[in-house]
Amino acid sequence: MSKQLHKNFTDDQVKSLFEKYSKGEIKLNYILQILRTKRSRFFELLTRYRKDPDNFSIQYKRNISNYRIDREIEANIIKELKTEKDLIKAKDIPIKYYNYSYIKDLLEQKYSQKVSLPTIIDRAKGNGFYLTKPKRKVHDREVITNYPGELI
């Protein structure tokens, strides 16, 4: 079963448990076992139930998704990635790769916007500002040693 209360029980089930607890028909330890919650969470919910029993709900309401960032922050990330791309393309500047940590620091200092490094890398990959690591060249040099007992 899931850890979240709203995924395991309906509002009516929890309301009936609270009613029975309030009337003294069920003991606290029994309800805590059924709901799989701690005492503090139980009493928070009970307080909410007692304030407004008709409109009580345990359903989770999210207004905005938690993995979205502000459009302004995203625009600044792309702006700085474009600047970085221009530096990489310039032949007279010896920069070969994107420096995402620098972009993260720059966003904090210049725009006062805090963004995680994986978010910047994800936006870079999604907008074409990501360079794959070049494959290593296989060297075909012959190694000659002068150690005794070693074949040449």
N, C-alpha and C. Protein backbone atom coordinates (compact mmCIF):
# COMPACT_ATOMS: atom_id res chain seq x y z
N MET A 1 0.82 -1.19 0.00
CA MET A 1 0.00 0.00 0.00
C MET A 1 0.86 1.25 0.00
N SER A 2 0.29 2.29 -0.50
CA SER A 2 0.98 3.56 -0.61
C SER A 2 1.12 4.21 0.77
N LYS A 3 2.10 5.09 0.89
CA LYS A 3 2.31 5.79 2.15
C LYS A 3 1.34 6.95 2.34
N GLN A 4 0.81 7.49 1.26
CA GLN A 4 -0.07 8.64 1.37
C GLN A 4 -1.47 8.23 1.80
N LEU A 5 -1.99 8.98 2.73
CA LEU A 5 -3.30 8.70 3.30
C LEU A 5 -4.40 8.83 2.25
N HIS A 6 -4.32 9.83 1.39
CA HIS A 6 -5.38 10.08 0.42
C HIS A 6 -5.43 9.01 -0.68
N LYS A 7 -4.38 8.22 -0.82
CA LYS A 7 -4.38 7.14 -1.81
C LYS A 7 -4.93 5.84 -1.23
N ASN A 8 -4.93 5.72 0.08
CA ASN A 8 -5.38 4.48 0.72
C ASN A 8 -6.83 4.54 1.20
N PHE A 9 -7.32 5.73 1.53
CA PHE A 9 -8.65 5.86 2.11
C PHE A 9 -9.44 6.95 1.40
N THR A 10 -10.75 6.79 1.44
CA THR A 10 -11.62 7.84 0.93
C THR A 10 -11.93 8.82 2.07
N ASP A 11 -12.49 9.94 1.72
CA ASP A 11 -12.86 10.93 2.74
C ASP A 11 -13.89 10.36 3.71
N ASP A 12 -14.85 9.62 3.18
CA ASP A 12 -15.90 9.06 4.04
C ASP A 12 -15.35 8.05 5.04
N GLN A 13 -14.38 7.26 4.62
CA GLN A 13 -13.79 6.28 5.54
C GLN A 13 -13.10 6.98 6.70
N VAL A 14 -12.35 8.01 6.40
CA VAL A 14 -11.63 8.74 7.45
C VAL A 14 -12.62 9.49 8.34
N LYS A 15 -13.66 10.06 7.73
CA LYS A 15 -14.68 10.75 8.53
C LYS A 15 -15.35 9.80 9.51
N SER A 16 -15.67 8.59 9.06
CA SER A 16 -16.33 7.64 9.96
C SER A 16 -15.40 7.23 11.10
N LEU A 17 -14.10 7.09 10.81
CA LEU A 17 -13.15 6.77 11.88
C LEU A 17 -13.06 7.91 12.90
N PHE A 18 -13.06 9.15 12.41
CA PHE A 18 -13.02 10.29 13.32
C PHE A 18 -14.29 10.38 14.15
N GLU A 19 -15.43 10.10 13.56
CA GLU A 19 -16.69 10.11 14.31
C GLU A 19 -16.67 9.08 15.42
N LYS A 20 -16.23 7.88 15.09
CA LYS A 20 -16.18 6.80 16.08
C LYS A 20 -15.18 7.13 17.18
N TYR A 21 -14.05 7.76 16.83
CA TYR A 21 -13.07 8.15 17.83
C TYR A 21 -13.65 9.22 18.75
N SER A 22 -14.35 10.18 18.16
CA SER A 22 -14.93 11.26 18.96
C SER A 22 -15.99 10.75 19.93
N LYS A 23 -16.72 9.72 19.53
CA LYS A 23 -17.74 9.13 20.41
C LYS A 23 -17.15 8.17 21.42
N GLY A 24 -15.87 7.84 21.28
CA GLY A 24 -15.21 6.92 22.22
C GLY A 24 -15.40 5.46 21.86
N GLU A 25 -15.83 5.17 20.65
CA GLU A 25 -16.06 3.78 20.24
C GLU A 25 -14.75 3.09 19.82
N ILE A 26 -13.77 3.87 19.39
CA ILE A 26 -12.49 3.31 18.93
C ILE A 26 -11.37 3.97 19.71
N LYS A 27 -10.36 3.17 20.06
CA LYS A 27 -9.21 3.71 20.77
C LYS A 27 -8.20 4.30 19.79
N LEU A 28 -7.37 5.18 20.29
CA LEU A 28 -6.41 5.91 19.46
C LEU A 28 -5.42 4.97 18.78
N ASN A 29 -4.85 4.05 19.52
CA ASN A 29 -3.84 3.15 18.95
C ASN A 29 -4.39 2.34 17.78
N TYR A 30 -5.66 1.95 17.86
CA TYR A 30 -6.29 1.18 16.79
C TYR A 30 -6.41 2.02 15.52
N ILE A 31 -6.82 3.29 15.66
CA ILE A 31 -6.94 4.17 14.49
C ILE A 31 -5.57 4.46 13.89
N LEU A 32 -4.57 4.64 14.74
CA LEU A 32 -3.22 4.91 14.22
C LEU A 32 -2.71 3.72 13.41
N GLN A 33 -3.05 2.51 13.84
CA GLN A 33 -2.65 1.32 13.08
C GLN A 33 -3.38 1.25 11.74
N ILE A 34 -4.66 1.57 11.76
CA ILE A 34 -5.45 1.50 10.52
C ILE A 34 -4.97 2.54 9.52
N LEU A 35 -4.82 3.78 9.98
CA LEU A 35 -4.44 4.87 9.09
C LEU A 35 -2.95 4.88 8.75
N ARG A 36 -2.17 4.18 9.56
CA ARG A 36 -0.71 4.17 9.42
C ARG A 36 -0.12 5.57 9.48
N THR A 37 -0.54 6.32 10.48
CA THR A 37 -0.01 7.67 10.69
C THR A 37 0.53 7.78 12.10
N LYS A 38 1.24 8.83 12.35
CA LYS A 38 1.74 9.11 13.69
C LYS A 38 0.69 9.93 14.43
N ARG A 39 0.90 10.08 15.72
CA ARG A 39 -0.06 10.80 16.56
C ARG A 39 -0.23 12.25 16.12
N SER A 40 0.89 12.92 15.83
CA SER A 40 0.80 14.34 15.49
C SER A 40 0.00 14.55 14.20
N ARG A 41 0.22 13.71 13.19
CA ARG A 41 -0.52 13.83 11.93
C ARG A 41 -2.00 13.53 12.17
N PHE A 42 -2.29 12.53 12.98
CA PHE A 42 -3.67 12.17 13.29
C PHE A 42 -4.40 13.35 13.93
N PHE A 43 -3.77 13.99 14.91
CA PHE A 43 -4.43 15.09 15.60
C PHE A 43 -4.54 16.35 14.73
N GLU A 44 -3.61 16.53 13.78
CA GLU A 44 -3.77 17.63 12.81
C GLU A 44 -5.03 17.41 11.99
N LEU A 45 -5.19 16.19 11.49
CA LEU A 45 -6.37 15.88 10.68
C LEU A 45 -7.65 15.96 11.51
N LEU A 46 -7.60 15.48 12.75
CA LEU A 46 -8.77 15.52 13.62
C LEU A 46 -9.19 16.96 13.90
N THR A 47 -8.22 17.84 14.10
CA THR A 47 -8.53 19.25 14.32
C THR A 47 -9.20 19.86 13.09
N ARG A 48 -8.67 19.54 11.90
CA ARG A 48 -9.30 20.03 10.67
C ARG A 48 -10.71 19.48 10.52
N TYR A 49 -10.90 18.22 10.89
CA TYR A 49 -12.22 17.60 10.79
C TYR A 49 -13.20 18.28 11.74
N ARG A 50 -12.77 18.54 12.96
CA ARG A 50 -13.66 19.14 13.95
C ARG A 50 -14.04 20.58 13.61
N LYS A 51 -13.17 21.30 12.90
CA LYS A 51 -13.48 22.67 12.51
C LYS A 51 -14.60 22.71 11.47
N ASP A 52 -14.55 21.79 10.51
CA ASP A 52 -15.54 21.79 9.44
C ASP A 52 -15.77 20.35 8.96
N PRO A 53 -16.62 19.59 9.67
CA PRO A 53 -16.82 18.18 9.31
C PRO A 53 -17.46 17.97 7.94
N ASP A 54 -18.27 18.91 7.49
CA ASP A 54 -18.96 18.72 6.21
C ASP A 54 -18.02 18.88 5.01
N ASN A 55 -17.07 19.79 5.11
CA ASN A 55 -16.15 20.05 4.00
C ASN A 55 -14.79 19.40 4.18
N PHE A 56 -14.64 18.53 5.18
CA PHE A 56 -13.36 17.88 5.44
C PHE A 56 -12.98 16.96 4.29
N SER A 57 -11.71 17.03 3.90
CA SER A 57 -11.21 16.17 2.84
C SER A 57 -9.73 15.89 3.07
N ILE A 58 -9.31 14.69 2.74
CA ILE A 58 -7.89 14.35 2.83
C ILE A 58 -7.24 14.34 1.47
N GLN A 59 -8.00 14.68 0.44
CA GLN A 59 -7.47 14.66 -0.92
C GLN A 59 -6.42 15.75 -1.09
N TYR A 60 -5.38 15.40 -1.80
CA TYR A 60 -4.25 16.30 -2.01
C TYR A 60 -4.55 17.24 -3.16
N LYS A 61 -4.36 18.52 -2.93
CA LYS A 61 -4.63 19.51 -3.96
C LYS A 61 -3.34 20.25 -4.30
N ARG A 62 -2.85 20.05 -5.51
CA ARG A 62 -1.65 20.75 -5.97
C ARG A 62 -2.08 21.77 -7.02
N ASN A 63 -1.68 23.00 -6.82
CA ASN A 63 -2.05 24.05 -7.76
C ASN A 63 -1.12 24.09 -8.96
N ILE A 64 0.17 23.98 -8.71
CA ILE A 64 1.15 23.97 -9.79
C ILE A 64 2.07 22.78 -9.57
N SER A 65 2.66 22.30 -10.65
CA SER A 65 3.55 21.16 -10.51
C SER A 65 4.86 21.62 -9.87
N ASN A 66 5.48 20.73 -9.14
CA ASN A 66 6.67 21.11 -8.38
C ASN A 66 7.95 21.01 -9.19
N TYR A 67 7.91 20.53 -10.40
CA TYR A 67 9.12 20.41 -11.18
C TYR A 67 9.23 21.47 -12.27
N ARG A 68 8.38 22.45 -12.25
CA ARG A 68 8.44 23.54 -13.21
C ARG A 68 9.22 24.70 -12.63
N ILE A 69 9.92 25.39 -13.52
CA ILE A 69 10.62 26.60 -13.08
C ILE A 69 9.98 27.79 -13.78
N ASP A 70 10.23 28.94 -13.25
CA ASP A 70 9.66 30.17 -13.78
C ASP A 70 10.17 30.42 -15.20
N ARG A 71 9.33 30.99 -16.04
CA ARG A 71 9.70 31.26 -17.44
C ARG A 71 10.89 32.21 -17.52
N GLU A 72 10.95 33.15 -16.62
CA GLU A 72 12.05 34.11 -16.60
C GLU A 72 13.38 33.41 -16.31
N ILE A 73 13.35 32.46 -15.38
CA ILE A 73 14.57 31.71 -15.06
C ILE A 73 15.00 30.88 -16.26
N GLU A 74 14.04 30.23 -16.89
CA GLU A 74 14.36 29.41 -18.06
C GLU A 74 14.92 30.27 -19.20
N ALA A 75 14.36 31.45 -19.39
CA ALA A 75 14.87 32.36 -20.43
C ALA A 75 16.30 32.78 -20.12
N ASN A 76 16.61 33.04 -18.86
CA ASN A 76 17.96 33.42 -18.47
C ASN A 76 18.94 32.27 -18.66
N ILE A 77 18.50 31.04 -18.38
CA ILE A 77 19.36 29.87 -18.60
C ILE A 77 19.72 29.77 -20.07
N ILE A 78 18.72 29.88 -20.94
CA ILE A 78 18.96 29.76 -22.38
C ILE A 78 19.83 30.92 -22.88
N LYS A 79 19.61 32.10 -22.34
CA LYS A 79 20.41 33.27 -22.74
C LYS A 79 21.89 33.04 -22.41
N GLU A 80 22.16 32.54 -21.20
CA GLU A 80 23.55 32.29 -20.80
C GLU A 80 24.14 31.11 -21.56
N LEU A 81 23.33 30.12 -21.90
CA LEU A 81 23.83 28.99 -22.70
C LEU A 81 24.20 29.45 -24.11
N LYS A 82 23.44 30.40 -24.66
CA LYS A 82 23.77 30.95 -25.98
C LYS A 82 25.10 31.69 -25.92
N THR A 83 25.30 32.45 -24.86
CA THR A 83 26.57 33.16 -24.70
C THR A 83 27.72 32.17 -24.62
N GLU A 84 27.51 31.10 -23.88
CA GLU A 84 28.53 30.07 -23.74
C GLU A 84 28.80 29.39 -25.09
N LYS A 85 27.74 29.19 -25.87
CA LYS A 85 27.89 28.56 -27.19
C LYS A 85 28.73 29.44 -28.11
N ASP A 86 28.51 30.75 -28.06
CA ASP A 86 29.30 31.67 -28.87
C ASP A 86 30.78 31.60 -28.49
N LEU A 87 31.05 31.44 -27.20
CA LEU A 87 32.45 31.31 -26.76
C LEU A 87 33.08 30.01 -27.26
N ILE A 88 32.30 28.96 -27.28
CA ILE A 88 32.81 27.67 -27.76
C ILE A 88 33.10 27.73 -29.26
N LYS A 89 32.23 28.41 -30.01
CA LYS A 89 32.40 28.51 -31.46
C LYS A 89 33.57 29.41 -31.85
N ALA A 90 33.91 30.37 -31.02
CA ALA A 90 35.03 31.27 -31.32
C ALA A 90 36.33 30.49 -31.30
N LYS A 91 37.06 30.55 -32.40
CA LYS A 91 38.30 29.77 -32.53
C LYS A 91 39.45 30.36 -31.73
N ASP A 92 39.43 31.66 -31.48
CA ASP A 92 40.54 32.29 -30.76
C ASP A 92 40.44 32.11 -29.24
N ILE A 93 39.33 31.59 -28.75
CA ILE A 93 39.16 31.34 -27.31
C ILE A 93 39.24 29.83 -27.08
N PRO A 94 40.10 29.39 -26.18
CA PRO A 94 40.30 27.94 -25.99
C PRO A 94 39.26 27.28 -25.08
N ILE A 95 37.99 27.43 -25.40
CA ILE A 95 36.92 26.78 -24.63
C ILE A 95 36.30 25.71 -25.52
N LYS A 96 36.22 24.48 -25.00
CA LYS A 96 35.70 23.38 -25.81
C LYS A 96 34.36 22.86 -25.31
N TYR A 97 34.05 23.08 -24.04
CA TYR A 97 32.85 22.48 -23.45
C TYR A 97 32.05 23.53 -22.68
N TYR A 98 30.79 23.24 -22.47
CA TYR A 98 29.94 24.10 -21.65
C TYR A 98 30.32 23.96 -20.19
N ASN A 99 30.29 25.06 -19.47
CA ASN A 99 30.57 25.04 -18.04
C ASN A 99 29.25 25.34 -17.31
N TYR A 100 28.52 24.29 -17.00
CA TYR A 100 27.19 24.45 -16.40
C TYR A 100 27.27 24.98 -14.98
N SER A 101 28.32 24.65 -14.26
CA SER A 101 28.47 25.18 -12.90
C SER A 101 28.66 26.69 -12.93
N TYR A 102 29.39 27.18 -13.93
CA TYR A 102 29.57 28.61 -14.07
C TYR A 102 28.23 29.29 -14.36
N ILE A 103 27.41 28.67 -15.20
CA ILE A 103 26.11 29.23 -15.52
C ILE A 103 25.23 29.27 -14.26
N LYS A 104 25.32 28.23 -13.46
CA LYS A 104 24.56 28.18 -12.20
C LYS A 104 24.98 29.34 -11.29
N ASP A 105 26.30 29.53 -11.14
CA ASP A 105 26.81 30.62 -10.31
C ASP A 105 26.44 31.98 -10.89
N LEU A 106 26.48 32.09 -12.20
CA LEU A 106 26.14 33.35 -12.86
C LEU A 106 24.68 33.72 -12.65
N LEU A 107 23.80 32.72 -12.69
CA LEU A 107 22.38 32.98 -12.45
C LEU A 107 22.14 33.49 -11.03
N GLU A 108 22.88 32.93 -10.09
CA GLU A 108 22.73 33.36 -8.69
C GLU A 108 23.26 34.79 -8.49
N GLN A 109 24.41 35.08 -9.09
CA GLN A 109 25.03 36.38 -8.88
C GLN A 109 24.36 37.49 -9.70
N LYS A 110 24.15 37.22 -10.97
CA LYS A 110 23.67 38.26 -11.88
C LYS A 110 22.16 38.50 -11.78
N TYR A 111 21.39 37.39 -11.65
CA TYR A 111 19.93 37.51 -11.66
C TYR A 111 19.28 37.20 -10.31
N SER A 112 20.05 36.77 -9.34
CA SER A 112 19.54 36.35 -8.02
C SER A 112 18.50 35.24 -8.16
N GLN A 113 18.80 34.28 -9.02
CA GLN A 113 17.91 33.14 -9.25
C GLN A 113 18.66 31.86 -8.94
N LYS A 114 18.08 31.06 -8.07
CA LYS A 114 18.73 29.83 -7.67
C LYS A 114 18.13 28.66 -8.45
N VAL A 115 19.01 27.94 -9.16
CA VAL A 115 18.60 26.80 -9.98
C VAL A 115 19.58 25.68 -9.73
N SER A 116 19.08 24.45 -9.72
CA SER A 116 19.97 23.32 -9.50
C SER A 116 20.74 23.01 -10.78
N LEU A 117 21.89 22.41 -10.61
CA LEU A 117 22.74 22.06 -11.75
C LEU A 117 22.08 21.05 -12.69
N PRO A 118 21.42 20.00 -12.18
CA PRO A 118 20.74 19.08 -13.09
C PRO A 118 19.65 19.75 -13.93
N THR A 119 19.01 20.79 -13.39
CA THR A 119 18.00 21.52 -14.15
C THR A 119 18.65 22.24 -15.32
N ILE A 120 19.80 22.86 -15.08
CA ILE A 120 20.50 23.56 -16.16
C ILE A 120 20.94 22.58 -17.23
N ILE A 121 21.47 21.44 -16.83
CA ILE A 121 21.91 20.43 -17.79
C ILE A 121 20.73 19.90 -18.58
N ASP A 122 19.60 19.69 -17.91
CA ASP A 122 18.40 19.21 -18.60
C ASP A 122 17.92 20.22 -19.64
N ARG A 123 17.93 21.51 -19.29
CA ARG A 123 17.52 22.54 -20.25
C ARG A 123 18.52 22.64 -21.40
N ALA A 124 19.80 22.42 -21.10
CA ALA A 124 20.82 22.46 -22.15
C ALA A 124 20.60 21.31 -23.14
N LYS A 125 20.32 20.13 -22.65
CA LYS A 125 20.08 18.99 -23.53
C LYS A 125 18.82 19.20 -24.36
N GLY A 126 17.79 19.76 -23.74
CA GLY A 126 16.53 19.96 -24.43
C GLY A 126 16.58 21.04 -25.51
N ASN A 127 17.51 21.98 -25.37
CA ASN A 127 17.59 23.09 -26.33
C ASN A 127 18.81 23.03 -27.23
N GLY A 128 19.50 21.91 -27.23
CA GLY A 128 20.63 21.73 -28.14
C GLY A 128 21.93 22.37 -27.69
N PHE A 129 22.10 22.61 -26.41
CA PHE A 129 23.33 23.19 -25.88
C PHE A 129 24.13 22.13 -25.11
N TYR A 130 24.23 20.96 -25.66
CA TYR A 130 24.91 19.87 -24.96
C TYR A 130 25.86 19.20 -25.94
N LEU A 131 27.11 19.07 -25.54
CA LEU A 131 28.10 18.40 -26.37
C LEU A 131 28.43 17.05 -25.74
N THR A 132 28.38 16.02 -26.55
CA THR A 132 28.75 14.70 -26.02
C THR A 132 30.26 14.62 -25.91
N LYS A 133 30.73 13.80 -25.02
CA LYS A 133 32.16 13.66 -24.85
C LYS A 133 32.73 12.94 -26.07
N PRO A 134 33.85 13.42 -26.61
CA PRO A 134 34.43 12.74 -27.76
C PRO A 134 35.00 11.39 -27.36
N LYS A 135 34.93 10.46 -28.29
CA LYS A 135 35.48 9.14 -28.01
C LYS A 135 37.00 9.24 -27.97
N ARG A 136 37.56 8.48 -27.08
CA ARG A 136 39.01 8.51 -26.93
C ARG A 136 39.66 7.80 -28.11
N LYS A 137 40.75 8.36 -28.57
CA LYS A 137 41.46 7.75 -29.68
C LYS A 137 42.28 6.58 -29.16
N VAL A 138 42.24 5.51 -29.91
CA VAL A 138 43.03 4.34 -29.54
C VAL A 138 44.43 4.58 -30.08
N HIS A 139 45.39 4.52 -29.19
CA HIS A 139 46.76 4.74 -29.65
C HIS A 139 47.37 3.41 -30.07
N ASP A 140 48.21 3.48 -31.08
CA ASP A 140 48.84 2.26 -31.59
C ASP A 140 50.35 2.35 -31.45
N ARG A 141 50.77 2.98 -30.40
CA ARG A 141 52.21 3.11 -30.15
C ARG A 141 52.75 1.82 -29.56
N GLU A 142 53.95 1.51 -29.92
CA GLU A 142 54.60 0.31 -29.38
C GLU A 142 55.43 0.76 -28.19
N VAL A 143 55.29 0.05 -27.10
CA VAL A 143 56.00 0.39 -25.88
C VAL A 143 57.26 -0.46 -25.81
N ILE A 144 58.38 0.18 -25.72
CA ILE A 144 59.66 -0.53 -25.62
C ILE A 144 60.21 -0.28 -24.23
N THR A 145 60.56 -1.34 -23.54
CA THR A 145 61.09 -1.20 -22.18
C THR A 145 62.49 -1.79 -22.13
N ASN A 146 63.19 -1.41 -21.12
CA ASN A 146 64.56 -1.91 -20.93
C ASN A 146 64.67 -2.75 -19.67
N TYR A 147 63.56 -3.27 -19.19
CA TYR A 147 63.60 -4.07 -17.97
C TYR A 147 64.12 -5.46 -18.33
N PRO A 148 64.94 -6.03 -17.47
CA PRO A 148 65.45 -7.38 -17.76
C PRO A 148 64.33 -8.41 -17.70
N GLY A 149 64.36 -9.35 -18.59
CA GLY A 149 63.39 -10.43 -18.62
C GLY A 149 62.13 -10.10 -19.37
N GLU A 150 62.03 -8.91 -19.89
CA GLU A 150 60.84 -8.55 -20.62
C GLU A 150 61.10 -8.65 -22.12
N LEU A 151 60.16 -9.20 -22.80
CA LEU A 151 60.31 -9.37 -24.24
C LEU A 151 60.06 -8.07 -24.96
N ILE A 152 60.81 -7.89 -25.99
CA ILE A 152 60.64 -6.69 -26.79
C ILE A 152 59.92 -7.03 -28.07
